[in-house]
Amino acid sequence: MDPSTVAHGPNETLLTGTDLASATAAAQAAEPGATIIRVETDSSGDATYEAHMKKADGTFVTVELDSSFKVTSTKSGFGPGPAGAPAPHGAPASGATGSSSTSN
């Protein structure tokens, strides 16, 4: 299954309203020029929210955010999936590309 084509991740809920707007703004600031695929709660336990995005070069990136919509990390691909679950097919389980924050 292509993770970029699903409505939301397992055990995750799409964001709406002001939460969606806040998370989208933070993710786009972290990854300028990338297109939002979806923004949702994060079931992996790594973050409160996550924005799945597609970069101009066609690669995917996941921007993780805390409950205040502060970017905590940026990972290549779609991330590891629900806590304890393997990465979705075709999506690397790791590959952090950096972090906008070194403390929480």
N, C-alpha and C. Protein backbone atom coordinates (compact mmCIF):
# COMPACT_ATOMS: atom_id res chain seq x y z
N MET A 1 0.85 -1.18 0.00
CA MET A 1 0.00 0.00 0.00
C MET A 1 0.89 1.24 0.00
N ASP A 2 0.55 2.21 -0.78
CA ASP A 2 1.28 3.47 -0.86
C ASP A 2 0.79 4.38 0.26
N PRO A 3 1.66 4.68 1.27
CA PRO A 3 1.19 5.49 2.40
C PRO A 3 0.75 6.90 2.02
N SER A 4 1.15 7.37 0.85
CA SER A 4 0.74 8.72 0.45
C SER A 4 -0.70 8.76 -0.05
N THR A 5 -1.32 7.59 -0.23
CA THR A 5 -2.67 7.56 -0.78
C THR A 5 -3.74 7.24 0.26
N VAL A 6 -3.35 6.98 1.50
CA VAL A 6 -4.35 6.68 2.52
C VAL A 6 -4.87 7.97 3.16
N ALA A 7 -6.09 7.90 3.68
CA ALA A 7 -6.73 9.09 4.25
C ALA A 7 -6.03 9.54 5.53
N HIS A 8 -5.59 8.59 6.36
CA HIS A 8 -4.85 8.89 7.58
C HIS A 8 -4.18 7.61 8.04
N GLY A 9 -3.20 7.76 8.92
CA GLY A 9 -2.48 6.60 9.42
C GLY A 9 -3.32 5.78 10.38
N PRO A 10 -2.87 4.53 10.65
CA PRO A 10 -3.59 3.69 11.60
C PRO A 10 -3.66 4.34 12.98
N ASN A 11 -4.82 4.32 13.58
CA ASN A 11 -5.04 4.89 14.92
C ASN A 11 -4.73 6.39 14.99
N GLU A 12 -4.85 7.08 13.88
CA GLU A 12 -4.59 8.52 13.83
C GLU A 12 -5.83 9.24 13.32
N THR A 13 -5.94 10.51 13.67
CA THR A 13 -7.10 11.32 13.29
C THR A 13 -6.62 12.55 12.54
N LEU A 14 -7.26 12.84 11.42
CA LEU A 14 -6.93 14.05 10.67
C LEU A 14 -7.24 15.29 11.49
N LEU A 15 -6.38 16.29 11.39
CA LEU A 15 -6.63 17.55 12.08
C LEU A 15 -7.58 18.40 11.25
N THR A 16 -8.32 19.28 11.94
CA THR A 16 -9.25 20.20 11.29
C THR A 16 -9.14 21.56 11.97
N GLY A 17 -9.77 22.54 11.38
CA GLY A 17 -9.89 23.87 11.98
C GLY A 17 -8.57 24.53 12.32
N THR A 18 -8.53 25.18 13.48
CA THR A 18 -7.32 25.93 13.87
C THR A 18 -6.13 25.01 14.14
N ASP A 19 -6.38 23.77 14.60
CA ASP A 19 -5.27 22.82 14.78
C ASP A 19 -4.62 22.52 13.44
N LEU A 20 -5.43 22.30 12.43
CA LEU A 20 -4.91 22.04 11.08
C LEU A 20 -4.13 23.24 10.58
N ALA A 21 -4.67 24.43 10.75
CA ALA A 21 -4.00 25.65 10.28
C ALA A 21 -2.67 25.85 10.99
N SER A 22 -2.64 25.65 12.30
CA SER A 22 -1.41 25.84 13.07
C SER A 22 -0.35 24.82 12.69
N ALA A 23 -0.74 23.56 12.58
CA ALA A 23 0.21 22.50 12.22
C ALA A 23 0.73 22.68 10.79
N THR A 24 -0.16 23.06 9.88
CA THR A 24 0.23 23.28 8.48
C THR A 24 1.24 24.41 8.38
N ALA A 25 0.98 25.52 9.05
CA ALA A 25 1.90 26.67 9.00
C ALA A 25 3.28 26.29 9.53
N ALA A 26 3.33 25.57 10.63
CA ALA A 26 4.61 25.17 11.21
C ALA A 26 5.35 24.20 10.29
N ALA A 27 4.64 23.24 9.72
CA ALA A 27 5.27 22.25 8.84
C ALA A 27 5.79 22.91 7.57
N GLN A 28 5.02 23.83 6.99
CA GLN A 28 5.47 24.51 5.78
C GLN A 28 6.65 25.42 6.06
N ALA A 29 6.74 25.98 7.25
CA ALA A 29 7.91 26.79 7.61
C ALA A 29 9.14 25.90 7.74
N ALA A 30 8.95 24.67 8.21
CA ALA A 30 10.07 23.73 8.38
C ALA A 30 10.52 23.14 7.05
N GLU A 31 9.59 23.00 6.11
CA GLU A 31 9.88 22.41 4.80
C GLU A 31 9.32 23.30 3.69
N PRO A 32 9.94 24.47 3.48
CA PRO A 32 9.44 25.39 2.46
C PRO A 32 9.38 24.72 1.08
N GLY A 33 8.29 24.95 0.38
CA GLY A 33 8.14 24.41 -0.96
C GLY A 33 7.54 23.01 -1.01
N ALA A 34 7.45 22.34 0.13
CA ALA A 34 6.84 21.00 0.17
C ALA A 34 5.32 21.14 0.22
N THR A 35 4.64 20.15 -0.32
CA THR A 35 3.19 20.13 -0.38
C THR A 35 2.63 19.22 0.73
N ILE A 36 1.64 19.70 1.43
CA ILE A 36 0.99 18.91 2.47
C ILE A 36 0.19 17.77 1.83
N ILE A 37 0.40 16.56 2.33
CA ILE A 37 -0.42 15.41 1.93
C ILE A 37 -1.55 15.25 2.94
N ARG A 38 -1.17 15.22 4.22
CA ARG A 38 -2.16 15.17 5.29
C ARG A 38 -1.49 15.58 6.60
N VAL A 39 -2.30 16.04 7.54
CA VAL A 39 -1.83 16.43 8.86
C VAL A 39 -2.73 15.71 9.86
N GLU A 40 -2.11 15.02 10.82
CA GLU A 40 -2.88 14.14 11.70
C GLU A 40 -2.23 14.01 13.07
N THR A 41 -2.96 13.36 13.97
CA THR A 41 -2.36 13.00 15.25
C THR A 41 -1.30 11.95 14.97
N ASP A 42 -0.37 11.76 15.90
CA ASP A 42 0.71 10.80 15.71
C ASP A 42 0.53 9.63 16.66
N SER A 43 0.42 8.42 16.11
CA SER A 43 0.22 7.23 16.95
C SER A 43 1.54 6.54 17.29
N SER A 44 2.66 7.01 16.75
CA SER A 44 3.94 6.34 17.02
C SER A 44 4.46 6.64 18.42
N GLY A 45 3.94 7.71 19.03
CA GLY A 45 4.42 8.09 20.35
C GLY A 45 5.58 9.07 20.29
N ASP A 46 6.05 9.39 19.09
CA ASP A 46 7.17 10.31 18.93
C ASP A 46 6.76 11.77 19.06
N ALA A 47 5.52 12.09 18.71
CA ALA A 47 5.06 13.47 18.67
C ALA A 47 3.56 13.50 18.94
N THR A 48 3.02 14.71 19.08
CA THR A 48 1.57 14.85 19.24
C THR A 48 0.89 14.85 17.87
N TYR A 49 1.50 15.59 16.93
CA TYR A 49 0.96 15.72 15.58
C TYR A 49 2.06 15.44 14.57
N GLU A 50 1.64 15.13 13.34
CA GLU A 50 2.61 14.96 12.26
C GLU A 50 1.99 15.44 10.95
N ALA A 51 2.85 16.03 10.14
CA ALA A 51 2.45 16.47 8.81
C ALA A 51 3.23 15.67 7.79
N HIS A 52 2.53 14.95 6.95
CA HIS A 52 3.17 14.20 5.86
C HIS A 52 3.18 15.12 4.65
N MET A 53 4.35 15.24 4.04
CA MET A 53 4.53 16.20 2.96
C MET A 53 5.31 15.57 1.80
N LYS A 54 5.17 16.16 0.62
CA LYS A 54 5.93 15.75 -0.55
C LYS A 54 6.77 16.93 -0.99
N LYS A 55 8.08 16.70 -1.07
CA LYS A 55 9.00 17.75 -1.49
C LYS A 55 8.97 17.92 -3.01
N ALA A 56 9.50 19.02 -3.47
CA ALA A 56 9.53 19.31 -4.90
C ALA A 56 10.27 18.23 -5.69
N ASP A 57 11.25 17.56 -5.04
CA ASP A 57 12.01 16.52 -5.74
C ASP A 57 11.29 15.17 -5.76
N GLY A 58 10.07 15.12 -5.20
CA GLY A 58 9.27 13.91 -5.21
C GLY A 58 9.44 13.02 -3.99
N THR A 59 10.36 13.34 -3.11
CA THR A 59 10.54 12.54 -1.90
C THR A 59 9.54 12.98 -0.84
N PHE A 60 9.30 12.08 0.11
CA PHE A 60 8.36 12.35 1.19
C PHE A 60 9.11 12.69 2.47
N VAL A 61 8.47 13.48 3.31
CA VAL A 61 9.03 13.88 4.59
C VAL A 61 7.89 13.98 5.60
N THR A 62 8.20 13.63 6.85
CA THR A 62 7.24 13.77 7.93
C THR A 62 7.78 14.79 8.92
N VAL A 63 6.99 15.82 9.16
CA VAL A 63 7.35 16.85 10.15
C VAL A 63 6.55 16.55 11.40
N GLU A 64 7.26 16.33 12.51
CA GLU A 64 6.61 16.03 13.78
C GLU A 64 6.51 17.29 14.63
N LEU A 65 5.37 17.43 15.33
CA LEU A 65 5.11 18.63 16.12
C LEU A 65 4.64 18.24 17.51
N ASP A 66 4.92 19.12 18.48
CA ASP A 66 4.43 18.89 19.84
C ASP A 66 3.03 19.48 19.99
N SER A 67 2.49 19.43 21.19
CA SER A 67 1.12 19.88 21.42
C SER A 67 0.94 21.39 21.23
N SER A 68 2.05 22.14 21.18
CA SER A 68 2.00 23.59 20.93
C SER A 68 2.31 23.91 19.47
N PHE A 69 2.35 22.88 18.62
CA PHE A 69 2.64 23.02 17.19
C PHE A 69 4.06 23.48 16.93
N LYS A 70 4.96 23.18 17.83
CA LYS A 70 6.39 23.45 17.64
C LYS A 70 7.00 22.22 16.97
N VAL A 71 7.76 22.43 15.89
CA VAL A 71 8.40 21.33 15.18
C VAL A 71 9.45 20.70 16.09
N THR A 72 9.35 19.38 16.26
CA THR A 72 10.31 18.67 17.10
C THR A 72 11.30 17.85 16.29
N SER A 73 10.90 17.43 15.08
CA SER A 73 11.82 16.71 14.19
C SER A 73 11.26 16.64 12.79
N THR A 74 12.14 16.32 11.88
CA THR A 74 11.78 16.10 10.48
C THR A 74 12.40 14.79 10.06
N LYS A 75 11.59 13.89 9.52
CA LYS A 75 12.06 12.56 9.16
C LYS A 75 11.78 12.27 7.69
N SER A 76 12.71 11.58 7.05
CA SER A 76 12.50 11.14 5.68
C SER A 76 11.39 10.10 5.65
N GLY A 77 10.60 10.11 4.62
CA GLY A 77 9.55 9.12 4.46
C GLY A 77 8.32 9.42 5.30
N PHE A 78 7.59 8.36 5.65
CA PHE A 78 6.35 8.49 6.39
C PHE A 78 6.47 8.13 7.85
N GLY A 79 7.67 7.92 8.35
CA GLY A 79 7.86 7.62 9.77
C GLY A 79 7.61 6.16 10.08
N PRO A 80 7.75 5.80 11.36
CA PRO A 80 7.71 4.39 11.75
C PRO A 80 6.33 3.76 11.88
N GLY A 81 5.26 4.51 11.86
CA GLY A 81 3.94 3.94 12.05
C GLY A 81 3.58 3.88 13.52
N PRO A 82 2.48 3.20 13.87
CA PRO A 82 2.05 3.14 15.27
C PRO A 82 3.14 2.58 16.18
N ALA A 83 3.11 2.96 17.42
CA ALA A 83 4.12 2.50 18.38
C ALA A 83 4.27 0.99 18.31
N GLY A 84 5.49 0.54 18.07
CA GLY A 84 5.78 -0.88 18.01
C GLY A 84 5.54 -1.51 16.66
N ALA A 85 4.95 -0.80 15.72
CA ALA A 85 4.66 -1.37 14.41
C ALA A 85 5.79 -1.07 13.43
N PRO A 86 5.94 -1.91 12.42
CA PRO A 86 6.96 -1.62 11.41
C PRO A 86 6.54 -0.44 10.54
N ALA A 87 7.50 0.10 9.84
CA ALA A 87 7.22 1.20 8.92
C ALA A 87 6.29 0.72 7.82
N PRO A 88 5.44 1.61 7.28
CA PRO A 88 4.61 1.24 6.14
C PRO A 88 5.49 0.80 4.98
N HIS A 89 4.98 -0.10 4.16
CA HIS A 89 5.73 -0.58 3.00
C HIS A 89 6.22 0.59 2.16
N GLY A 90 7.50 0.58 1.86
CA GLY A 90 8.08 1.62 1.03
C GLY A 90 8.45 2.88 1.77
N ALA A 91 8.26 2.89 3.07
CA ALA A 91 8.59 4.09 3.86
C ALA A 91 9.67 3.72 4.87
N PRO A 92 10.80 4.41 4.85
CA PRO A 92 11.86 4.07 5.80
C PRO A 92 11.42 4.30 7.24
N ALA A 93 11.86 3.42 8.14
CA ALA A 93 11.49 3.54 9.54
C ALA A 93 12.28 4.61 10.24
N SER A 94 13.43 4.95 9.73
CA SER A 94 14.24 5.99 10.36
C SER A 94 14.72 6.93 9.29
N GLY A 95 15.70 7.74 9.64
CA GLY A 95 16.23 8.66 8.66
C GLY A 95 15.94 10.09 9.03
N ALA A 96 16.02 10.39 10.31
CA ALA A 96 15.79 11.77 10.72
C ALA A 96 16.73 12.67 9.95
N THR A 97 16.20 13.75 9.46
CA THR A 97 17.01 14.67 8.67
C THR A 97 17.36 15.91 9.44
N GLY A 98 17.00 15.94 10.68
CA GLY A 98 17.33 17.12 11.49
C GLY A 98 16.23 17.41 12.47
N SER A 99 16.47 18.37 13.29
CA SER A 99 15.50 18.75 14.29
C SER A 99 15.52 20.24 14.48
N SER A 100 14.37 20.81 14.63
CA SER A 100 14.30 22.24 14.87
C SER A 100 14.42 22.56 16.34
N SER A 101 14.42 21.50 17.17
CA SER A 101 14.48 21.70 18.61
C SER A 101 15.35 20.64 19.23
N THR A 102 16.16 21.04 20.18
CA THR A 102 17.00 20.07 20.85
C THR A 102 16.51 19.80 22.26
N SER A 103 15.47 20.50 22.68
CA SER A 103 14.92 20.26 24.01
C SER A 103 13.42 20.43 23.98
N ASN A 104 12.76 19.81 24.94
CA ASN A 104 11.30 19.93 25.04
C ASN A 104 10.93 20.52 26.34
